[in-house]
Amino acid sequence: MSLRTVANVVGLLLVFVALAMLLTAGVALFYGDGDAGAFLLSAAATLAVGGGAYGLTRTPSAEQGEITVREGFVIVSLAWTATAAFGALPYLLSGVAASPAAAFFEAMSGFTTTGSTIFADV
């Protein structure tokens, strides 16, 4: 199993999550709701980690092999965990969520579209 491949794929996914956060920060700036700073800081942290992981693990296309089943399982597990963890940052930085566990739950709920929430009044 190649951890380099796993880190590369998960890093690229986090780059896309960071771009989505930047888009959200733009919407927050446009409407002036006051949470743009939390989205910008979250996007910067996500882009730094994801871009770093992707950039440090890139290999020439001639050296890349196919992703094995084991690598696929690890990629999916880490991708969901990392996406929810970094998706929880705006909740924490804006002060909307009371704890990291609540923010992680809300982010995972949002990414998986389960409809569960920690908020009493949506």
Protein backbone atom coordinates (compact mmCIF):
# COMPACT_ATOMS: atom_id res chain seq x y z
CA MET A 1 0.00 0.00 0.00
CA SER A 2 1.30 3.42 -0.96
CA LEU A 3 0.69 6.08 1.67
CA ARG A 4 2.03 8.59 -0.84
CA THR A 5 -0.90 7.86 -3.15
CA VAL A 6 -3.38 8.09 -0.28
CA ALA A 7 -1.98 11.46 0.86
CA ASN A 8 -1.99 12.72 -2.72
CA VAL A 9 -5.67 11.95 -3.32
CA VAL A 10 -6.85 13.19 0.09
CA GLY A 11 -4.73 16.33 -0.31
CA LEU A 12 -6.31 17.08 -3.68
CA LEU A 13 -9.77 16.61 -2.19
CA LEU A 14 -8.93 19.10 0.57
CA VAL A 15 -7.83 21.61 -2.06
CA PHE A 16 -11.33 21.39 -3.57
CA VAL A 17 -12.89 21.79 -0.12
CA ALA A 18 -10.77 24.92 0.39
CA LEU A 19 -11.96 26.32 -2.95
CA ALA A 20 -15.56 25.74 -1.87
CA MET A 21 -14.83 27.58 1.38
CA LEU A 22 -13.42 30.50 -0.61
CA LEU A 23 -16.61 30.62 -2.65
CA THR A 24 -18.61 30.61 0.57
CA ALA A 25 -16.44 33.42 1.96
CA GLY A 26 -17.24 35.43 -1.16
CA VAL A 27 -20.96 34.96 -0.58
CA ALA A 28 -20.54 35.95 3.09
CA LEU A 29 -18.66 39.08 2.03
CA PHE A 30 -21.32 39.95 -0.53
CA TYR A 31 -24.12 39.71 2.02
CA GLY A 32 -22.05 41.17 4.86
CA ASP A 33 -23.08 38.62 7.46
CA GLY A 34 -19.82 38.86 9.42
CA ASP A 35 -18.64 35.25 9.03
CA ALA A 36 -16.38 35.79 6.02
CA GLY A 37 -13.29 35.86 8.24
CA ALA A 38 -14.03 32.40 9.62
CA PHE A 39 -14.45 31.03 6.09
CA LEU A 40 -11.27 32.72 4.82
CA LEU A 41 -9.19 31.44 7.74
CA SER A 42 -10.66 27.96 7.36
CA ALA A 43 -10.01 28.00 3.62
CA ALA A 44 -6.40 29.08 4.20
CA ALA A 45 -5.78 26.29 6.72
CA THR A 46 -7.46 23.70 4.51
CA LEU A 47 -5.57 24.87 1.43
CA ALA A 48 -2.27 24.82 3.31
CA VAL A 49 -2.73 21.25 4.53
CA GLY A 50 -4.35 19.91 1.37
CA GLY A 51 -2.03 21.75 -1.01
CA GLY A 52 0.97 20.70 1.04
CA ALA A 53 -0.05 17.06 1.05
CA TYR A 54 -0.82 17.12 -2.65
CA GLY A 55 2.33 19.01 -3.61
CA LEU A 56 4.69 16.91 -1.52
CA THR A 57 3.31 13.61 -2.80
CA ARG A 58 3.03 14.30 -6.52
CA THR A 59 4.81 11.79 -8.71
CA PRO A 60 5.41 11.74 -12.46
CA SER A 61 2.57 10.04 -14.32
CA ALA A 62 4.94 7.32 -15.55
CA GLU A 63 5.54 6.19 -11.95
CA GLN A 64 1.89 6.18 -10.90
CA GLY A 65 0.26 2.81 -10.62
CA GLU A 66 -3.35 1.89 -10.17
CA ILE A 67 -4.97 2.41 -6.80
CA THR A 68 -5.38 -0.90 -5.01
CA VAL A 69 -8.50 -1.93 -3.12
CA ARG A 70 -6.74 -1.41 0.20
CA GLU A 71 -5.63 2.09 -0.81
CA GLY A 72 -9.18 2.82 -1.94
CA PHE A 73 -10.59 1.92 1.46
CA VAL A 74 -8.01 4.08 3.23
CA ILE A 75 -8.61 6.99 0.85
CA VAL A 76 -12.36 6.90 1.41
CA SER A 77 -12.01 6.65 5.19
CA LEU A 78 -9.47 9.45 5.44
CA ALA A 79 -11.27 11.60 2.89
CA TRP A 80 -14.54 11.59 4.86
CA THR A 81 -12.72 12.20 8.14
CA ALA A 82 -10.50 14.99 6.80
CA THR A 83 -13.36 16.67 4.94
CA ALA A 84 -15.53 16.74 8.06
CA ALA A 85 -12.63 17.85 10.27
CA PHE A 86 -11.73 20.79 8.04
CA GLY A 87 -15.40 21.47 7.35
CA ALA A 88 -15.86 21.91 11.09
CA LEU A 89 -13.39 24.80 11.21
CA PRO A 90 -15.86 27.52 10.14
CA TYR A 91 -18.30 26.41 12.84
CA LEU A 92 -15.57 26.62 15.47
CA LEU A 93 -13.99 29.87 14.27
CA SER A 94 -17.30 31.69 13.98
CA GLY A 95 -18.40 30.49 17.43
CA VAL A 96 -21.57 28.86 16.11
CA ALA A 97 -20.77 25.40 17.48
CA ALA A 98 -20.22 24.96 21.21
CA SER A 99 -17.60 22.21 20.95
CA PRO A 100 -15.33 20.53 18.39
CA ALA A 101 -17.49 17.38 18.54
CA ALA A 102 -20.62 19.37 17.73
CA ALA A 103 -18.85 21.14 14.87
CA PHE A 104 -17.54 17.83 13.49
CA PHE A 105 -21.03 16.32 13.72
CA GLU A 106 -22.61 19.28 11.92
CA ALA A 107 -19.96 19.25 9.19
CA MET A 108 -20.28 15.49 8.64
CA SER A 109 -24.05 15.86 8.56
CA GLY A 110 -23.74 18.58 5.98
CA PHE A 111 -21.35 16.70 3.71
CA THR A 112 -23.38 13.49 3.89
CA THR A 113 -26.73 15.34 3.64
CA THR A 114 -28.28 13.29 6.45
CA GLY A 115 -30.36 16.19 7.73
CA SER A 116 -29.27 15.77 11.36
CA THR A 117 -28.27 18.96 13.13
CA ILE A 118 -27.08 20.32 16.45
CA PHE A 119 -29.07 23.52 16.06
CA ALA A 120 -32.44 23.86 17.78
CA ASP A 121 -33.60 26.74 15.55
CA VAL A 122 -32.50 26.49 11.94
